[in-house]
Amino acid sequence: MPVYEFVCGSCDRKFEVLVRSSRARISCPECGSKKVRKILSVFALNTGASPGGGKSSCGSCSPKPGGCGS
């Protein structure tokens, strides 16, 4: 089930929704308007490089291959 980002055409609020069906009727959680538009989502991409100069991303395990920082 994908998570989509929407923006409300009435109050301009941006929000995310877990969409269970392509027929789901999405409404704004702020004002209740059904005048919403799906927007382009930015997603995280694992490039293989670990943040922090070789440290693992969680800080508690090995950055070596097979560890959570790899």
PDB file of N, CA and C in Angstrom:
ATOM      1  N   MET A   1       0.844  -1.170   0.000  1.00  0.00           N
ATOM      2  CA  MET A   1       0.000   0.000   0.000  1.00  0.00           C
ATOM      3  C   MET A   1       0.893   1.238   0.000  1.00  0.00           C
ATOM      4  N   PRO A   2       0.805   2.036  -1.030  1.00  0.00           N
ATOM      5  CA  PRO A   2       1.691   3.205  -1.125  1.00  0.00           C
ATOM      6  C   PRO A   2       1.216   4.384  -0.283  1.00  0.00           C
ATOM      7  N   VAL A   3       2.184   5.201   0.099  1.00  0.00           N
ATOM      8  CA  VAL A   3       1.904   6.456   0.785  1.00  0.00           C
ATOM      9  C   VAL A   3       2.068   7.567  -0.250  1.00  0.00           C
ATOM     10  N   TYR A   4       1.054   8.387  -0.398  1.00  0.00           N
ATOM     11  CA  TYR A   4       1.091   9.500  -1.346  1.00  0.00           C
ATOM     12  C   TYR A   4       1.027  10.816  -0.601  1.00  0.00           C
ATOM     13  N   GLU A   5       1.619  11.847  -1.209  1.00  0.00           N
ATOM     14  CA  GLU A   5       1.533  13.195  -0.670  1.00  0.00           C
ATOM     15  C   GLU A   5       0.476  13.962  -1.460  1.00  0.00           C
ATOM     16  N   PHE A   6      -0.290  14.762  -0.740  1.00  0.00           N
ATOM     17  CA  PHE A   6      -1.340  15.566  -1.354  1.00  0.00           C
ATOM     18  C   PHE A   6      -1.224  17.001  -0.860  1.00  0.00           C
ATOM     19  N   VAL A   7      -1.834  17.916  -1.613  1.00  0.00           N
ATOM     20  CA  VAL A   7      -1.983  19.300  -1.173  1.00  0.00           C
ATOM     21  C   VAL A   7      -3.457  19.657  -1.340  1.00  0.00           C
ATOM     22  N   CYS A   8      -3.993  20.361  -0.355  1.00  0.00           N
ATOM     23  CA  CYS A   8      -5.400  20.752  -0.370  1.00  0.00           C
ATOM     24  C   CYS A   8      -5.577  22.011  -1.216  1.00  0.00           C
ATOM     25  N   GLY A   9      -6.579  21.992  -2.092  1.00  0.00           N
ATOM     26  CA  GLY A   9      -6.884  23.138  -2.931  1.00  0.00           C
ATOM     27  C   GLY A   9      -7.609  24.247  -2.195  1.00  0.00           C
ATOM     28  N   SER A  10      -8.109  23.949  -0.991  1.00  0.00           N
ATOM     29  CA  SER A  10      -8.839  24.959  -0.217  1.00  0.00           C
ATOM     30  C   SER A  10      -7.953  25.669   0.801  1.00  0.00           C
ATOM     31  N   CYS A  11      -7.173  24.908   1.580  1.00  0.00           N
ATOM     32  CA  CYS A  11      -6.369  25.531   2.647  1.00  0.00           C
ATOM     33  C   CYS A  11      -4.859  25.432   2.411  1.00  0.00           C
ATOM     34  N   ASP A  12      -4.429  24.803   1.306  1.00  0.00           N
ATOM     35  CA  ASP A  12      -3.016  24.663   0.920  1.00  0.00           C
ATOM     36  C   ASP A  12      -2.183  23.795   1.860  1.00  0.00           C
ATOM     37  N   ARG A  13      -2.814  23.018   2.709  1.00  0.00           N
ATOM     38  CA  ARG A  13      -2.071  22.134   3.604  1.00  0.00           C
ATOM     39  C   ARG A  13      -1.529  20.935   2.826  1.00  0.00           C
ATOM     40  N   LYS A  14      -0.277  20.547   3.109  1.00  0.00           N
ATOM     41  CA  LYS A  14       0.312  19.344   2.525  1.00  0.00           C
ATOM     42  C   LYS A  14       0.195  18.225   3.548  1.00  0.00           C
ATOM     43  N   PHE A  15      -0.139  17.022   3.076  1.00  0.00           N
ATOM     44  CA  PHE A  15      -0.301  15.886   3.980  1.00  0.00           C
ATOM     45  C   PHE A  15      -0.039  14.590   3.232  1.00  0.00           C
ATOM     46  N   GLU A  16       0.215  13.528   3.988  1.00  0.00           N
ATOM     47  CA  GLU A  16       0.464  12.198   3.439  1.00  0.00           C
ATOM     48  C   GLU A  16      -0.692  11.278   3.792  1.00  0.00           C
ATOM     49  N   VAL A  17      -0.987  10.331   2.887  1.00  0.00           N
ATOM     50  CA  VAL A  17      -2.060   9.377   3.118  1.00  0.00           C
ATOM     51  C   VAL A  17      -1.599   8.000   2.654  1.00  0.00           C
ATOM     52  N   LEU A  18      -1.842   6.998   3.486  1.00  0.00           N
ATOM     53  CA  LEU A  18      -1.638   5.613   3.098  1.00  0.00           C
ATOM     54  C   LEU A  18      -2.865   5.212   2.296  1.00  0.00           C
ATOM     55  N   VAL A  19      -2.687   5.004   1.003  1.00  0.00           N
ATOM     56  CA  VAL A  19      -3.817   4.734   0.115  1.00  0.00           C
ATOM     57  C   VAL A  19      -4.012   3.232  -0.015  1.00  0.00           C
ATOM     58  N   ARG A  20      -5.141   2.746   0.468  1.00  0.00           N
ATOM     59  CA  ARG A  20      -5.447   1.314   0.460  1.00  0.00           C
ATOM     60  C   ARG A  20      -6.112   0.864  -0.843  1.00  0.00           C
ATOM     61  N   SER A  21      -6.702   1.794  -1.580  1.00  0.00           N
ATOM     62  CA  SER A  21      -7.409   1.454  -2.809  1.00  0.00           C
ATOM     63  C   SER A  21      -7.294   2.612  -3.787  1.00  0.00           C
ATOM     64  N   SER A  22      -7.253   2.297  -5.079  1.00  0.00           N
ATOM     65  CA  SER A  22      -7.193   3.355  -6.086  1.00  0.00           C
ATOM     66  C   SER A  22      -8.506   4.140  -6.135  1.00  0.00           C
ATOM     67  N   ARG A  23      -9.559   3.594  -5.538  1.00  0.00           N
ATOM     68  CA  ARG A  23     -10.864   4.269  -5.502  1.00  0.00           C
ATOM     69  C   ARG A  23     -11.086   5.080  -4.226  1.00  0.00           C
ATOM     70  N   ALA A  24     -10.067   5.153  -3.381  1.00  0.00           N
ATOM     71  CA  ALA A  24     -10.193   5.869  -2.111  1.00  0.00           C
ATOM     72  C   ALA A  24     -10.506   7.346  -2.362  1.00  0.00           C
ATOM     73  N   ARG A  25     -11.411   7.897  -1.588  1.00  0.00           N
ATOM     74  CA  ARG A  25     -11.764   9.314  -1.665  1.00  0.00           C
ATOM     75  C   ARG A  25     -10.977  10.039  -0.589  1.00  0.00           C
ATOM     76  N   ILE A  26     -10.025  10.833  -1.006  1.00  0.00           N
ATOM     77  CA  ILE A  26      -9.115  11.516  -0.085  1.00  0.00           C
ATOM     78  C   ILE A  26      -9.682  12.885   0.261  1.00  0.00           C
ATOM     79  N   SER A  27      -9.619  13.215   1.544  1.00  0.00           N
ATOM     80  CA  SER A  27     -10.035  14.548   1.981  1.00  0.00           C
ATOM     81  C   SER A  27      -8.959  15.139   2.886  1.00  0.00           C
ATOM     82  N   CYS A  28      -8.914  16.450   2.948  1.00  0.00           N
ATOM     83  CA  CYS A  28      -7.927  17.165   3.749  1.00  0.00           C
ATOM     84  C   CYS A  28      -8.197  16.952   5.239  1.00  0.00           C
ATOM     85  N   PRO A  29      -7.173  16.567   6.008  1.00  0.00           N
ATOM     86  CA  PRO A  29      -7.370  16.375   7.446  1.00  0.00           C
ATOM     87  C   PRO A  29      -7.561  17.693   8.203  1.00  0.00           C
ATOM     88  N   GLU A  30      -7.189  18.806   7.580  1.00  0.00           N
ATOM     89  CA  GLU A  30      -7.311  20.117   8.230  1.00  0.00           C
ATOM     90  C   GLU A  30      -8.717  20.705   8.077  1.00  0.00           C
ATOM     91  N   CYS A  31      -9.186  20.773   6.815  1.00  0.00           N
ATOM     92  CA  CYS A  31     -10.471  21.451   6.571  1.00  0.00           C
ATOM     93  C   CYS A  31     -11.564  20.516   6.049  1.00  0.00           C
ATOM     94  N   GLY A  32     -11.204  19.281   5.705  1.00  0.00           N
ATOM     95  CA  GLY A  32     -12.204  18.317   5.242  1.00  0.00           C
ATOM     96  C   GLY A  32     -12.544  18.403   3.764  1.00  0.00           C
ATOM     97  N   SER A  33     -11.917  19.329   3.050  1.00  0.00           N
ATOM     98  CA  SER A  33     -12.199  19.503   1.630  1.00  0.00           C
ATOM     99  C   SER A  33     -11.779  18.270   0.825  1.00  0.00           C
ATOM    100  N   LYS A  34     -12.535  17.949  -0.191  1.00  0.00           N
ATOM    101  CA  LYS A  34     -12.193  16.849  -1.101  1.00  0.00           C
ATOM    102  C   LYS A  34     -11.443  17.384  -2.323  1.00  0.00           C
ATOM    103  N   LYS A  35     -11.169  18.683  -2.329  1.00  0.00           N
ATOM    104  CA  LYS A  35     -10.455  19.326  -3.433  1.00  0.00           C
ATOM    105  C   LYS A  35      -8.950  19.203  -3.176  1.00  0.00           C
ATOM    106  N   VAL A  36      -8.428  17.978  -3.344  1.00  0.00           N
ATOM    107  CA  VAL A  36      -7.018  17.707  -3.081  1.00  0.00           C
ATOM    108  C   VAL A  36      -6.334  17.256  -4.368  1.00  0.00           C
ATOM    109  N   ARG A  37      -5.024  17.461  -4.411  1.00  0.00           N
ATOM    110  CA  ARG A  37      -4.243  17.108  -5.587  1.00  0.00           C
ATOM    111  C   ARG A  37      -3.005  16.335  -5.141  1.00  0.00           C
ATOM    112  N   LYS A  38      -2.727  15.227  -5.816  1.00  0.00           N
ATOM    113  CA  LYS A  38      -1.527  14.439  -5.518  1.00  0.00           C
ATOM    114  C   LYS A  38      -0.310  15.219  -6.006  1.00  0.00           C
ATOM    115  N   ILE A  39       0.746  15.267  -5.170  1.00  0.00           N
ATOM    116  CA  ILE A  39       1.953  15.983  -5.559  1.00  0.00           C
ATOM    117  C   ILE A  39       3.133  15.020  -5.629  1.00  0.00           C
ATOM    118  N   LEU A  40       4.176  15.449  -6.286  1.00  0.00           N
ATOM    119  CA  LEU A  40       5.375  14.645  -6.445  1.00  0.00           C
ATOM    120  C   LEU A  40       6.051  14.474  -5.089  1.00  0.00           C
ATOM    121  N   SER A  41       6.305  13.242  -4.702  1.00  0.00           N
ATOM    122  CA  SER A  41       6.933  12.947  -3.420  1.00  0.00           C
ATOM    123  C   SER A  41       8.441  12.841  -3.584  1.00  0.00           C
ATOM    124  N   VAL A  42       9.158  13.267  -2.571  1.00  0.00           N
ATOM    125  CA  VAL A  42      10.599  13.099  -2.516  1.00  0.00           C
ATOM    126  C   VAL A  42      10.853  11.889  -1.636  1.00  0.00           C
ATOM    127  N   PHE A  43      11.694  10.988  -2.106  1.00  0.00           N
ATOM    128  CA  PHE A  43      11.946   9.776  -1.347  1.00  0.00           C
ATOM    129  C   PHE A  43      13.430   9.629  -1.073  1.00  0.00           C
ATOM    130  N   ALA A  44      13.752   8.842  -0.063  1.00  0.00           N
ATOM    131  CA  ALA A  44      15.147   8.593   0.305  1.00  0.00           C
ATOM    132  C   ALA A  44      15.714   7.531  -0.615  1.00  0.00           C
ATOM    133  N   LEU A  45      16.989   7.662  -0.936  1.00  0.00           N
ATOM    134  CA  LEU A  45      17.658   6.713  -1.800  1.00  0.00           C
ATOM    135  C   LEU A  45      18.958   6.300  -1.137  1.00  0.00           C
ATOM    136  N   ASN A  46      19.165   5.012  -0.954  1.00  0.00           N
ATOM    137  CA  ASN A  46      20.390   4.513  -0.368  1.00  0.00           C
ATOM    138  C   ASN A  46      21.431   4.412  -1.460  1.00  0.00           C
ATOM    139  N   THR A  47      22.464   5.250  -1.370  1.00  0.00           N
ATOM    140  CA  THR A  47      23.500   5.280  -2.395  1.00  0.00           C
ATOM    141  C   THR A  47      24.675   4.381  -2.068  1.00  0.00           C
ATOM    142  N   GLY A  48      24.651   3.761  -0.897  1.00  0.00           N
ATOM    143  CA  GLY A  48      25.752   2.907  -0.485  1.00  0.00           C
ATOM    144  C   GLY A  48      26.760   3.646   0.385  1.00  0.00           C
ATOM    145  N   ALA A  49      26.771   4.959   0.322  1.00  0.00           N
ATOM    146  CA  ALA A  49      27.668   5.751   1.158  1.00  0.00           C
ATOM    147  C   ALA A  49      27.019   5.944   2.518  1.00  0.00           C
ATOM    148  N   SER A  50      27.798   5.779   3.562  1.00  0.00           N
ATOM    149  CA  SER A  50      27.232   5.959   4.890  1.00  0.00           C
ATOM    150  C   SER A  50      27.494   7.377   5.379  1.00  0.00           C
ATOM    151  N   PRO A  51      26.529   7.995   6.051  1.00  0.00           N
ATOM    152  CA  PRO A  51      26.706   9.341   6.579  1.00  0.00           C
ATOM    153  C   PRO A  51      27.694   9.356   7.731  1.00  0.00           C
ATOM    154  N   GLY A  52      28.301  10.492   7.969  1.00  0.00           N
ATOM    155  CA  GLY A  52      29.187  10.627   9.119  1.00  0.00           C
ATOM    156  C   GLY A  52      30.596  10.121   8.877  1.00  0.00           C
ATOM    157  N   GLY A  53      31.043  10.052   7.630  1.00  0.00           N
ATOM    158  CA  GLY A  53      32.420   9.686   7.348  1.00  0.00           C
ATOM    159  C   GLY A  53      32.766   8.254   7.698  1.00  0.00           C
ATOM    160  N   GLY A  54      31.933   7.304   7.352  1.00  0.00           N
ATOM    161  CA  GLY A  54      32.247   5.901   7.570  1.00  0.00           C
ATOM    162  C   GLY A  54      31.586   5.293   8.775  1.00  0.00           C
ATOM    163  N   LYS A  55      30.907   6.085   9.565  1.00  0.00           N
ATOM    164  CA  LYS A  55      30.176   5.537  10.705  1.00  0.00           C
ATOM    165  C   LYS A  55      28.876   4.935  10.217  1.00  0.00           C
ATOM    166  N   SER A  56      28.361   3.969  10.941  1.00  0.00           N
ATOM    167  CA  SER A  56      27.080   3.388  10.545  1.00  0.00           C
ATOM    168  C   SER A  56      25.968   4.389  10.784  1.00  0.00           C
ATOM    169  N   SER A  57      24.869   4.221  10.071  1.00  0.00           N
ATOM    170  CA  SER A  57      23.777   5.183  10.160  1.00  0.00           C
ATOM    171  C   SER A  57      23.078   5.172  11.512  1.00  0.00           C
ATOM    172  N   CYS A  58      23.087   4.036  12.217  1.00  0.00           N
ATOM    173  CA  CYS A  58      22.408   4.007  13.508  1.00  0.00           C
ATOM    174  C   CYS A  58      23.376   4.321  14.649  1.00  0.00           C
ATOM    175  N   GLY A  59      24.685   4.266  14.365  1.00  0.00           N
ATOM    176  CA  GLY A  59      25.675   4.600  15.371  1.00  0.00           C
ATOM    177  C   GLY A  59      26.042   3.472  16.303  1.00  0.00           C
ATOM    178  N   SER A  60      25.398   2.302  16.180  1.00  0.00           N
ATOM    179  CA  SER A  60      25.694   1.231  17.124  1.00  0.00           C
ATOM    180  C   SER A  60      26.175  -0.053  16.469  1.00  0.00           C
ATOM    181  N   CYS A  61      26.284  -0.089  15.152  1.00  0.00           N
ATOM    182  CA  CYS A  61      26.756  -1.315  14.522  1.00  0.00           C
ATOM    183  C   CYS A  61      27.834  -1.010  13.495  1.00  0.00           C
ATOM    184  N   SER A  62      28.388  -2.015  12.954  1.00  0.00           N
ATOM    185  CA  SER A  62      29.530  -1.910  12.071  1.00  0.00           C
ATOM    186  C   SER A  62      29.168  -1.379  10.695  1.00  0.00           C
ATOM    187  N   PRO A  63      30.001  -0.455  10.156  1.00  0.00           N
ATOM    188  CA  PRO A  63      29.770   0.021   8.795  1.00  0.00           C
ATOM    189  C   PRO A  63      30.321  -0.937   7.739  1.00  0.00           C
ATOM    190  N   LYS A  64      30.882  -2.077   8.174  1.00  0.00           N
ATOM    191  CA  LYS A  64      31.425  -3.057   7.239  1.00  0.00           C
ATOM    192  C   LYS A  64      30.299  -3.730   6.468  1.00  0.00           C
ATOM    193  N   PRO A  65      30.610  -4.304   5.285  1.00  0.00           N
ATOM    194  CA  PRO A  65      29.571  -5.007   4.516  1.00  0.00           C
ATOM    195  C   PRO A  65      28.831  -6.020   5.365  1.00  0.00           C
ATOM    196  N   GLY A  66      27.516  -5.995   5.296  1.00  0.00           N
ATOM    197  CA  GLY A  66      26.691  -6.884   6.103  1.00  0.00           C
ATOM    198  C   GLY A  66      26.146  -6.225   7.351  1.00  0.00           C
ATOM    199  N   GLY A  67      26.771  -5.114   7.775  1.00  0.00           N
ATOM    200  CA  GLY A  67      26.275  -4.366   8.930  1.00  0.00           C
ATOM    201  C   GLY A  67      25.151  -3.447   8.493  1.00  0.00           C
ATOM    202  N   CYS A  68      24.458  -2.822   9.425  1.00  0.00           N
ATOM    203  CA  CYS A  68      23.326  -1.977   9.031  1.00  0.00           C
ATOM    204  C   CYS A  68      23.789  -0.696   8.369  1.00  0.00           C
ATOM    205  N   GLY A  69      25.056  -0.332   8.488  1.00  0.00           N
ATOM    206  CA  GLY A  69      25.557   0.875   7.864  1.00  0.00           C
ATOM    207  C   GLY A  69      26.013   0.683   6.444  1.00  0.00           C
ATOM    208  N   SER A  70      25.881  -0.538   5.924  1.00  0.00           N
ATOM    209  CA  SER A  70      26.351  -0.784   4.559  1.00  0.00           C
ATOM    210  C   SER A  70      25.260  -0.606   3.538  1.00  0.00           C
TER     211      SER A  70
END
